[in-house]
Amino acid sequence: QMLDLPSSTLSYVLADRGSGAAVIIDPVLGCVERDVGLLRELGLRLSYAVNTHCHADHITGSGKLRELLGCRSVISRASGASADLLVGEGDLLRFGAF
């Protein structure tokens, strides 16, 4: 769990240590360098950057993470936003052994 104090936004990293695959949830654009540094420090490969909803309180870092690390961006199809992968209720994101 990582906090961006200016926007009061919590971001989360989920990882499968065995494969090194990781997912970041609700990344903040202003924190992308921090997040990339953490992923590299832990030896993780980012599979997905997931937004739980459209954010009025901050600009998402998903696009920048996609550009830098080649991950896929994800958001709910109900949000009306665009992403590499649009998901809905019951959909699963598979990464690593999960």
PDB file of N, CA and C in Angstrom:
ATOM      1  N   GLN A   1       0.852  -1.171   0.000  1.00  0.00           N
ATOM      2  CA  GLN A   1       0.000   0.000   0.000  1.00  0.00           C
ATOM      3  C   GLN A   1       0.894   1.229   0.000  1.00  0.00           C
ATOM      4  N   MET A   2       0.580   2.194  -0.881  1.00  0.00           N
ATOM      5  CA  MET A   2       1.369   3.414  -1.004  1.00  0.00           C
ATOM      6  C   MET A   2       0.428   4.608  -1.015  1.00  0.00           C
ATOM      7  N   LEU A   3       0.797   5.645  -0.297  1.00  0.00           N
ATOM      8  CA  LEU A   3      -0.052   6.831  -0.170  1.00  0.00           C
ATOM      9  C   LEU A   3       0.522   7.988  -0.970  1.00  0.00           C
ATOM     10  N   ASP A   4      -0.337   8.634  -1.764  1.00  0.00           N
ATOM     11  CA  ASP A   4      -0.014   9.917  -2.377  1.00  0.00           C
ATOM     12  C   ASP A   4      -0.725  10.959  -1.532  1.00  0.00           C
ATOM     13  N   LEU A   5       0.014  11.629  -0.671  1.00  0.00           N
ATOM     14  CA  LEU A   5      -0.582  12.552   0.294  1.00  0.00           C
ATOM     15  C   LEU A   5      -1.352  13.707  -0.353  1.00  0.00           C
ATOM     16  N   PRO A   6      -0.815  14.367  -1.405  1.00  0.00           N
ATOM     17  CA  PRO A   6      -1.561  15.500  -1.975  1.00  0.00           C
ATOM     18  C   PRO A   6      -2.978  15.151  -2.442  1.00  0.00           C
ATOM     19  N   SER A   7      -3.165  13.946  -2.981  1.00  0.00           N
ATOM     20  CA  SER A   7      -4.502  13.573  -3.457  1.00  0.00           C
ATOM     21  C   SER A   7      -5.212  12.623  -2.499  1.00  0.00           C
ATOM     22  N   SER A   8      -4.542  12.275  -1.400  1.00  0.00           N
ATOM     23  CA  SER A   8      -5.089  11.305  -0.431  1.00  0.00           C
ATOM     24  C   SER A   8      -5.491  10.001  -1.120  1.00  0.00           C
ATOM     25  N   THR A   9      -4.669   9.581  -2.081  1.00  0.00           N
ATOM     26  CA  THR A   9      -4.955   8.371  -2.846  1.00  0.00           C
ATOM     27  C   THR A   9      -4.057   7.233  -2.400  1.00  0.00           C
ATOM     28  N   LEU A  10      -4.659   6.080  -2.167  1.00  0.00           N
ATOM     29  CA  LEU A  10      -3.908   4.870  -1.859  1.00  0.00           C
ATOM     30  C   LEU A  10      -3.781   4.035  -3.120  1.00  0.00           C
ATOM     31  N   SER A  11      -2.568   3.616  -3.419  1.00  0.00           N
ATOM     32  CA  SER A  11      -2.296   2.691  -4.515  1.00  0.00           C
ATOM     33  C   SER A  11      -1.799   1.397  -3.884  1.00  0.00           C
ATOM     34  N   TYR A  12      -2.003   0.301  -4.597  1.00  0.00           N
ATOM     35  CA  TYR A  12      -1.630  -1.012  -4.069  1.00  0.00           C
ATOM     36  C   TYR A  12      -0.866  -1.795  -5.118  1.00  0.00           C
ATOM     37  N   VAL A  13       0.119  -2.571  -4.678  1.00  0.00           N
ATOM     38  CA  VAL A  13       0.817  -3.503  -5.556  1.00  0.00           C
ATOM     39  C   VAL A  13       0.526  -4.908  -5.060  1.00  0.00           C
ATOM     40  N   LEU A  14       0.054  -5.754  -5.981  1.00  0.00           N
ATOM     41  CA  LEU A  14      -0.141  -7.176  -5.716  1.00  0.00           C
ATOM     42  C   LEU A  14       0.887  -7.906  -6.560  1.00  0.00           C
ATOM     43  N   ALA A  15       1.537  -8.927  -5.997  1.00  0.00           N
ATOM     44  CA  ALA A  15       2.588  -9.605  -6.748  1.00  0.00           C
ATOM     45  C   ALA A  15       2.622 -11.095  -6.464  1.00  0.00           C
ATOM     46  N   ASP A  16       3.070 -11.821  -7.458  1.00  0.00           N
ATOM     47  CA  ASP A  16       3.366 -13.241  -7.330  1.00  0.00           C
ATOM     48  C   ASP A  16       4.885 -13.355  -7.336  1.00  0.00           C
ATOM     49  N   ARG A  17       5.451 -13.560  -6.182  1.00  0.00           N
ATOM     50  CA  ARG A  17       6.910 -13.606  -6.058  1.00  0.00           C
ATOM     51  C   ARG A  17       7.531 -14.706  -6.921  1.00  0.00           C
ATOM     52  N   GLY A  18       6.820 -15.818  -7.081  1.00  0.00           N
ATOM     53  CA  GLY A  18       7.353 -16.932  -7.862  1.00  0.00           C
ATOM     54  C   GLY A  18       7.649 -16.557  -9.302  1.00  0.00           C
ATOM     55  N   SER A  19       6.719 -15.865  -9.933  1.00  0.00           N
ATOM     56  CA  SER A  19       6.884 -15.492 -11.345  1.00  0.00           C
ATOM     57  C   SER A  19       7.390 -14.066 -11.516  1.00  0.00           C
ATOM     58  N   GLY A  20       7.252 -13.249 -10.481  1.00  0.00           N
ATOM     59  CA  GLY A  20       7.635 -11.845 -10.573  1.00  0.00           C
ATOM     60  C   GLY A  20       6.570 -10.961 -11.195  1.00  0.00           C
ATOM     61  N   ALA A  21       5.402 -11.537 -11.498  1.00  0.00           N
ATOM     62  CA  ALA A  21       4.316 -10.760 -12.103  1.00  0.00           C
ATOM     63  C   ALA A  21       3.637  -9.898 -11.046  1.00  0.00           C
ATOM     64  N   ALA A  22       3.246  -8.684 -11.436  1.00  0.00           N
ATOM     65  CA  ALA A  22       2.627  -7.758 -10.487  1.00  0.00           C
ATOM     66  C   ALA A  22       1.498  -6.974 -11.138  1.00  0.00           C
ATOM     67  N   VAL A  23       0.634  -6.444 -10.272  1.00  0.00           N
ATOM     68  CA  VAL A  23      -0.477  -5.578 -10.651  1.00  0.00           C
ATOM     69  C   VAL A  23      -0.414  -4.361  -9.744  1.00  0.00           C
ATOM     70  N   ILE A  24      -0.635  -3.172 -10.293  1.00  0.00           N
ATOM     71  CA  ILE A  24      -0.758  -1.981  -9.457  1.00  0.00           C
ATOM     72  C   ILE A  24      -2.188  -1.474  -9.588  1.00  0.00           C
ATOM     73  N   ILE A  25      -2.769  -1.115  -8.466  1.00  0.00           N
ATOM     74  CA  ILE A  25      -4.153  -0.646  -8.425  1.00  0.00           C
ATOM     75  C   ILE A  25      -4.165   0.843  -8.095  1.00  0.00           C
ATOM     76  N   ASP A  26      -4.867   1.614  -8.909  1.00  0.00           N
ATOM     77  CA  ASP A  26      -5.029   3.063  -8.753  1.00  0.00           C
ATOM     78  C   ASP A  26      -3.699   3.828  -8.701  1.00  0.00           C
ATOM     79  N   PRO A  27      -2.855   3.660  -9.738  1.00  0.00           N
ATOM     80  CA  PRO A  27      -1.602   4.413  -9.765  1.00  0.00           C
ATOM     81  C   PRO A  27      -1.846   5.905 -10.024  1.00  0.00           C
ATOM     82  N   VAL A  28      -1.008   6.737  -9.434  1.00  0.00           N
ATOM     83  CA  VAL A  28      -1.101   8.195  -9.560  1.00  0.00           C
ATOM     84  C   VAL A  28       0.042   8.672 -10.464  1.00  0.00           C
ATOM     85  N   LEU A  29      -0.261   9.523 -11.434  1.00  0.00           N
ATOM     86  CA  LEU A  29       0.747   9.991 -12.387  1.00  0.00           C
ATOM     87  C   LEU A  29       1.974  10.573 -11.682  1.00  0.00           C
ATOM     88  N   GLY A  30       1.761  11.390 -10.671  1.00  0.00           N
ATOM     89  CA  GLY A  30       2.873  12.013  -9.964  1.00  0.00           C
ATOM     90  C   GLY A  30       3.727  11.058  -9.156  1.00  0.00           C
ATOM     91  N   CYS A  31       3.316   9.815  -9.058  1.00  0.00           N
ATOM     92  CA  CYS A  31       4.043   8.813  -8.273  1.00  0.00           C
ATOM     93  C   CYS A  31       4.624   7.696  -9.137  1.00  0.00           C
ATOM     94  N   VAL A  32       4.580   7.852 -10.453  1.00  0.00           N
ATOM     95  CA  VAL A  32       5.045   6.787 -11.345  1.00  0.00           C
ATOM     96  C   VAL A  32       6.512   6.447 -11.097  1.00  0.00           C
ATOM     97  N   GLU A  33       7.370   7.451 -10.921  1.00  0.00           N
ATOM     98  CA  GLU A  33       8.791   7.173 -10.665  1.00  0.00           C
ATOM     99  C   GLU A  33       8.956   6.342  -9.401  1.00  0.00           C
ATOM    100  N   ARG A  34       8.231   6.687  -8.351  1.00  0.00           N
ATOM    101  CA  ARG A  34       8.272   5.918  -7.103  1.00  0.00           C
ATOM    102  C   ARG A  34       7.851   4.477  -7.357  1.00  0.00           C
ATOM    103  N   ASP A  35       6.752   4.317  -8.090  1.00  0.00           N
ATOM    104  CA  ASP A  35       6.200   2.987  -8.331  1.00  0.00           C
ATOM    105  C   ASP A  35       7.138   2.130  -9.181  1.00  0.00           C
ATOM    106  N   VAL A  36       7.704   2.719 -10.232  1.00  0.00           N
ATOM    107  CA  VAL A  36       8.656   1.993 -11.078  1.00  0.00           C
ATOM    108  C   VAL A  36       9.876   1.595 -10.256  1.00  0.00           C
ATOM    109  N   GLY A  37      10.349   2.496  -9.409  1.00  0.00           N
ATOM    110  CA  GLY A  37      11.490   2.189  -8.543  1.00  0.00           C
ATOM    111  C   GLY A  37      11.204   1.029  -7.612  1.00  0.00           C
ATOM    112  N   LEU A  38      10.020   1.018  -7.029  1.00  0.00           N
ATOM    113  CA  LEU A  38       9.643  -0.067  -6.123  1.00  0.00           C
ATOM    114  C   LEU A  38       9.566  -1.396  -6.869  1.00  0.00           C
ATOM    115  N   LEU A  39       8.926  -1.390  -8.030  1.00  0.00           N
ATOM    116  CA  LEU A  39       8.819  -2.619  -8.824  1.00  0.00           C
ATOM    117  C   LEU A  39      10.202  -3.150  -9.181  1.00  0.00           C
ATOM    118  N   ARG A  40      11.089  -2.277  -9.585  1.00  0.00           N
ATOM    119  CA  ARG A  40      12.458  -2.700  -9.943  1.00  0.00           C
ATOM    120  C   ARG A  40      13.212  -3.199  -8.722  1.00  0.00           C
ATOM    121  N   GLU A  41      13.073  -2.492  -7.611  1.00  0.00           N
ATOM    122  CA  GLU A  41      13.743  -2.896  -6.369  1.00  0.00           C
ATOM    123  C   GLU A  41      13.314  -4.300  -5.945  1.00  0.00           C
ATOM    124  N   LEU A  42      12.046  -4.611  -6.142  1.00  0.00           N
ATOM    125  CA  LEU A  42      11.515  -5.916  -5.748  1.00  0.00           C
ATOM    126  C   LEU A  42      11.653  -6.971  -6.848  1.00  0.00           C
ATOM    127  N   GLY A  43      12.174  -6.573  -8.000  1.00  0.00           N
ATOM    128  CA  GLY A  43      12.359  -7.514  -9.104  1.00  0.00           C
ATOM    129  C   GLY A  43      11.053  -7.972  -9.726  1.00  0.00           C
ATOM    130  N   LEU A  44      10.076  -7.063  -9.791  1.00  0.00           N
ATOM    131  CA  LEU A  44       8.749  -7.415 -10.303  1.00  0.00           C
ATOM    132  C   LEU A  44       8.530  -6.883 -11.715  1.00  0.00           C
ATOM    133  N   ARG A  45       7.708  -7.595 -12.480  1.00  0.00           N
ATOM    134  CA  ARG A  45       7.320  -7.205 -13.842  1.00  0.00           C
ATOM    135  C   ARG A  45       5.839  -6.848 -13.811  1.00  0.00           C
ATOM    136  N   LEU A  46       5.511  -5.623 -14.184  1.00  0.00           N
ATOM    137  CA  LEU A  46       4.130  -5.147 -14.105  1.00  0.00           C
ATOM    138  C   LEU A  46       3.297  -5.679 -15.264  1.00  0.00           C
ATOM    139  N   SER A  47       2.250  -6.445 -14.935  1.00  0.00           N
ATOM    140  CA  SER A  47       1.344  -6.996 -15.946  1.00  0.00           C
ATOM    141  C   SER A  47       0.189  -6.046 -16.229  1.00  0.00           C
ATOM    142  N   TYR A  48      -0.387  -5.470 -15.166  1.00  0.00           N
ATOM    143  CA  TYR A  48      -1.578  -4.624 -15.300  1.00  0.00           C
ATOM    144  C   TYR A  48      -1.476  -3.392 -14.410  1.00  0.00           C
ATOM    145  N   ALA A  49      -1.998  -2.274 -14.913  1.00  0.00           N
ATOM    146  CA  ALA A  49      -2.240  -1.068 -14.121  1.00  0.00           C
ATOM    147  C   ALA A  49      -3.754  -0.895 -14.103  1.00  0.00           C
ATOM    148  N   VAL A  50      -4.355  -1.103 -12.942  1.00  0.00           N
ATOM    149  CA  VAL A  50      -5.810  -1.162 -12.810  1.00  0.00           C
ATOM    150  C   VAL A  50      -6.338   0.103 -12.142  1.00  0.00           C
ATOM    151  N   ASN A  51      -7.356   0.692 -12.747  1.00  0.00           N
ATOM    152  CA  ASN A  51      -8.065   1.808 -12.122  1.00  0.00           C
ATOM    153  C   ASN A  51      -9.418   1.301 -11.653  1.00  0.00           C
ATOM    154  N   THR A  52      -9.727   1.528 -10.393  1.00  0.00           N
ATOM    155  CA  THR A  52     -10.993   1.050  -9.847  1.00  0.00           C
ATOM    156  C   THR A  52     -12.169   1.901 -10.304  1.00  0.00           C
ATOM    157  N   HIS A  53     -11.887   3.146 -10.719  1.00  0.00           N
ATOM    158  CA  HIS A  53     -12.922   4.062 -11.198  1.00  0.00           C
ATOM    159  C   HIS A  53     -12.225   5.259 -11.834  1.00  0.00           C
ATOM    160  N   CYS A  54     -12.968   6.115 -12.512  1.00  0.00           N
ATOM    161  CA  CYS A  54     -12.403   7.371 -13.021  1.00  0.00           C
ATOM    162  C   CYS A  54     -12.127   8.261 -11.818  1.00  0.00           C
ATOM    163  N   HIS A  55     -10.976   8.901 -11.815  1.00  0.00           N
ATOM    164  CA  HIS A  55     -10.555   9.659 -10.642  1.00  0.00           C
ATOM    165  C   HIS A  55     -10.663  11.160 -10.864  1.00  0.00           C
ATOM    166  N   ALA A  56     -11.447  11.811 -10.050  1.00  0.00           N
ATOM    167  CA  ALA A  56     -11.548  13.271 -10.096  1.00  0.00           C
ATOM    168  C   ALA A  56     -10.477  13.907  -9.218  1.00  0.00           C
ATOM    169  N   ASP A  57      -9.901  13.119  -8.298  1.00  0.00           N
ATOM    170  CA  ASP A  57      -8.955  13.654  -7.328  1.00  0.00           C
ATOM    171  C   ASP A  57      -7.502  13.588  -7.785  1.00  0.00           C
ATOM    172  N   HIS A  58      -7.211  12.842  -8.838  1.00  0.00           N
ATOM    173  CA  HIS A  58      -5.848  12.771  -9.357  1.00  0.00           C
ATOM    174  C   HIS A  58      -5.857  12.240 -10.789  1.00  0.00           C
ATOM    175  N   ILE A  59      -4.725  12.413 -11.469  1.00  0.00           N
ATOM    176  CA  ILE A  59      -4.565  11.889 -12.828  1.00  0.00           C
ATOM    177  C   ILE A  59      -3.917  10.518 -12.721  1.00  0.00           C
ATOM    178  N   THR A  60      -4.510   9.538 -13.383  1.00  0.00           N
ATOM    179  CA  THR A  60      -3.996   8.179 -13.310  1.00  0.00           C
ATOM    180  C   THR A  60      -2.600   8.061 -13.925  1.00  0.00           C
ATOM    181  N   GLY A  61      -1.814   7.170 -13.373  1.00  0.00           N
ATOM    182  CA  GLY A  61      -0.484   6.891 -13.898  1.00  0.00           C
ATOM    183  C   GLY A  61      -0.457   5.705 -14.844  1.00  0.00           C
ATOM    184  N   SER A  62      -1.614   5.141 -15.154  1.00  0.00           N
ATOM    185  CA  SER A  62      -1.669   3.934 -15.988  1.00  0.00           C
ATOM    186  C   SER A  62      -1.014   4.121 -17.353  1.00  0.00           C
ATOM    187  N   GLY A  63      -1.297   5.224 -18.012  1.00  0.00           N
ATOM    188  CA  GLY A  63      -0.729   5.466 -19.339  1.00  0.00           C
ATOM    189  C   GLY A  63       0.782   5.549 -19.314  1.00  0.00           C
ATOM    190  N   LYS A  64       1.323   6.238 -18.322  1.00  0.00           N
ATOM    191  CA  LYS A  64       2.779   6.375 -18.203  1.00  0.00           C
ATOM    192  C   LYS A  64       3.414   5.032 -17.862  1.00  0.00           C
ATOM    193  N   LEU A  65       2.782   4.259 -16.983  1.00  0.00           N
ATOM    194  CA  LEU A  65       3.309   2.935 -16.650  1.00  0.00           C
ATOM    195  C   LEU A  65       3.282   2.029 -17.877  1.00  0.00           C
ATOM    196  N   ARG A  66       2.228   2.138 -18.664  1.00  0.00           N
ATOM    197  CA  ARG A  66       2.120   1.357 -19.902  1.00  0.00           C
ATOM    198  C   ARG A  66       3.257   1.729 -20.853  1.00  0.00           C
ATOM    199  N   GLU A  67       3.505   3.034 -20.977  1.00  0.00           N
ATOM    200  CA  GLU A  67       4.574   3.529 -21.848  1.00  0.00           C
ATOM    201  C   GLU A  67       5.948   3.045 -21.380  1.00  0.00           C
ATOM    202  N   LEU A  68       6.194   3.115 -20.074  1.00  0.00           N
ATOM    203  CA  LEU A  68       7.505   2.770 -19.522  1.00  0.00           C
ATOM    204  C   LEU A  68       7.737   1.270 -19.385  1.00  0.00           C
ATOM    205  N   LEU A  69       6.694   0.536 -19.010  1.00  0.00           N
ATOM    206  CA  LEU A  69       6.881  -0.865 -18.643  1.00  0.00           C
ATOM    207  C   LEU A  69       6.140  -1.864 -19.527  1.00  0.00           C
ATOM    208  N   GLY A  70       5.298  -1.371 -20.418  1.00  0.00           N
ATOM    209  CA  GLY A  70       4.594  -2.272 -21.325  1.00  0.00           C
ATOM    210  C   GLY A  70       3.442  -3.038 -20.713  1.00  0.00           C
ATOM    211  N   CYS A  71       2.936  -2.584 -19.580  1.00  0.00           N
ATOM    212  CA  CYS A  71       1.794  -3.254 -18.945  1.00  0.00           C
ATOM    213  C   CYS A  71       0.507  -2.906 -19.686  1.00  0.00           C
ATOM    214  N   ARG A  72      -0.555  -3.588 -19.348  1.00  0.00           N
ATOM    215  CA  ARG A  72      -1.873  -3.294 -19.924  1.00  0.00           C
ATOM    216  C   ARG A  72      -2.670  -2.467 -18.920  1.00  0.00           C
ATOM    217  N   SER A  73      -3.388  -1.458 -19.410  1.00  0.00           N
ATOM    218  CA  SER A  73      -4.246  -0.650 -18.538  1.00  0.00           C
ATOM    219  C   SER A  73      -5.627  -1.297 -18.465  1.00  0.00           C
ATOM    220  N   VAL A  74      -6.260  -1.178 -17.294  1.00  0.00           N
ATOM    221  CA  VAL A  74      -7.542  -1.849 -17.042  1.00  0.00           C
ATOM    222  C   VAL A  74      -8.486  -0.899 -16.318  1.00  0.00           C
ATOM    223  N   ILE A  75      -9.760  -0.903 -16.725  1.00  0.00           N
ATOM    224  CA  ILE A  75     -10.803  -0.164 -16.008  1.00  0.00           C
ATOM    225  C   ILE A  75     -12.151  -0.818 -16.310  1.00  0.00           C
ATOM    226  N   SER A  76     -13.125  -0.518 -15.508  1.00  0.00           N
ATOM    227  CA  SER A  76     -14.477  -1.038 -15.716  1.00  0.00           C
ATOM    228  C   SER A  76     -15.063  -0.491 -17.013  1.00  0.00           C
ATOM    229  N   ARG A  77     -15.708  -1.367 -17.769  1.00  0.00           N
ATOM    230  CA  ARG A  77     -16.372  -0.901 -19.002  1.00  0.00           C
ATOM    231  C   ARG A  77     -17.491   0.075 -18.667  1.00  0.00           C
ATOM    232  N   ALA A  78     -18.060  -0.007 -17.460  1.00  0.00           N
ATOM    233  CA  ALA A  78     -19.145   0.886 -17.047  1.00  0.00           C
ATOM    234  C   ALA A  78     -18.653   2.311 -16.793  1.00  0.00           C
ATOM    235  N   SER A  79     -17.338   2.493 -16.668  1.00  0.00           N
ATOM    236  CA  SER A  79     -16.794   3.825 -16.374  1.00  0.00           C
ATOM    237  C   SER A  79     -16.898   4.771 -17.566  1.00  0.00           C
ATOM    238  N   GLY A  80     -16.948   4.224 -18.766  1.00  0.00           N
ATOM    239  CA  GLY A  80     -16.951   5.057 -19.957  1.00  0.00           C
ATOM    240  C   GLY A  80     -15.561   5.492 -20.383  1.00  0.00           C
ATOM    241  N   ALA A  81     -14.546   5.131 -19.606  1.00  0.00           N
ATOM    242  CA  ALA A  81     -13.163   5.482 -19.933  1.00  0.00           C
ATOM    243  C   ALA A  81     -12.583   4.435 -20.881  1.00  0.00           C
ATOM    244  N   SER A  82     -11.446   4.760 -21.472  1.00  0.00           N
ATOM    245  CA  SER A  82     -10.795   3.800 -22.355  1.00  0.00           C
ATOM    246  C   SER A  82      -9.581   3.193 -21.663  1.00  0.00           C
ATOM    247  N   ALA A  83      -9.275   1.962 -22.035  1.00  0.00           N
ATOM    248  CA  ALA A  83      -8.130   1.235 -21.500  1.00  0.00           C
ATOM    249  C   ALA A  83      -7.862   0.061 -22.429  1.00  0.00           C
ATOM    250  N   ASP A  84      -6.742  -0.610 -22.215  1.00  0.00           N
ATOM    251  CA  ASP A  84      -6.427  -1.797 -23.010  1.00  0.00           C
ATOM    252  C   ASP A  84      -7.426  -2.913 -22.757  1.00  0.00           C
ATOM    253  N   LEU A  85      -7.894  -2.990 -21.526  1.00  0.00           N
ATOM    254  CA  LEU A  85      -8.797  -4.058 -21.127  1.00  0.00           C
ATOM    255  C   LEU A  85      -9.952  -3.468 -20.328  1.00  0.00           C
ATOM    256  N   LEU A  86     -11.166  -3.674 -20.812  1.00  0.00           N
ATOM    257  CA  LEU A  86     -12.366  -3.219 -20.107  1.00  0.00           C
ATOM    258  C   LEU A  86     -12.979  -4.427 -19.419  1.00  0.00           C
ATOM    259  N   VAL A  87     -13.249  -4.299 -18.126  1.00  0.00           N
ATOM    260  CA  VAL A  87     -13.745  -5.433 -17.347  1.00  0.00           C
ATOM    261  C   VAL A  87     -15.104  -5.125 -16.740  1.00  0.00           C
ATOM    262  N   GLY A  88     -15.781  -6.185 -16.338  1.00  0.00           N
ATOM    263  CA  GLY A  88     -17.080  -6.059 -15.699  1.00  0.00           C
ATOM    264  C   GLY A  88     -17.181  -7.016 -14.529  1.00  0.00           C
ATOM    265  N   GLU A  89     -18.315  -6.980 -13.869  1.00  0.00           N
ATOM    266  CA  GLU A  89     -18.548  -7.829 -12.708  1.00  0.00           C
ATOM    267  C   GLU A  89     -18.300  -9.294 -13.065  1.00  0.00           C
ATOM    268  N   GLY A  90     -17.518  -9.958 -12.230  1.00  0.00           N
ATOM    269  CA  GLY A  90     -17.221 -11.373 -12.427  1.00  0.00           C
ATOM    270  C   GLY A  90     -15.995 -11.652 -13.275  1.00  0.00           C
ATOM    271  N   ASP A  91     -15.470 -10.641 -13.969  1.00  0.00           N
ATOM    272  CA  ASP A  91     -14.259 -10.842 -14.768  1.00  0.00           C
ATOM    273  C   ASP A  91     -13.058 -11.032 -13.845  1.00  0.00           C
ATOM    274  N   LEU A  92     -12.100 -11.827 -14.284  1.00  0.00           N
ATOM    275  CA  LEU A  92     -10.890 -12.093 -13.513  1.00  0.00           C
ATOM    276  C   LEU A  92      -9.674 -11.586 -14.268  1.00  0.00           C
ATOM    277  N   LEU A  93      -8.713 -11.036 -13.537  1.00  0.00           N
ATOM    278  CA  LEU A  93      -7.416 -10.682 -14.102  1.00  0.00           C
ATOM    279  C   LEU A  93      -6.435 -11.739 -13.633  1.00  0.00           C
ATOM    280  N   ARG A  94      -5.871 -12.458 -14.549  1.00  0.00           N
ATOM    281  CA  ARG A  94      -4.904 -13.503 -14.203  1.00  0.00           C
ATOM    282  C   ARG A  94      -3.491 -12.942 -14.362  1.00  0.00           C
ATOM    283  N   PHE A  95      -2.661 -13.181 -13.353  1.00  0.00           N
ATOM    284  CA  PHE A  95      -1.249 -12.817 -13.440  1.00  0.00           C
ATOM    285  C   PHE A  95      -0.467 -13.773 -12.564  1.00  0.00           C
ATOM    286  N   GLY A  96       0.719 -14.131 -13.004  1.00  0.00           N
ATOM    287  CA  GLY A  96       1.517 -15.084 -12.245  1.00  0.00           C
ATOM    288  C   GLY A  96       0.740 -16.364 -12.008  1.00  0.00           C
ATOM    289  N   ALA A  97       0.777 -16.850 -10.780  1.00  0.00           N
ATOM    290  CA  ALA A  97       0.068 -18.080 -10.412  1.00  0.00           C
ATOM    291  C   ALA A  97      -1.381 -17.809 -10.025  1.00  0.00           C
ATOM    292  N   PHE A  98      -1.798 -16.563 -10.104  1.00  0.00           N
ATOM    293  CA  PHE A  98      -3.145 -16.197  -9.674  1.00  0.00           C
ATOM    294  C   PHE A  98      -4.094 -16.077 -10.835  1.00  0.00           C
TER     295      PHE A  98
END
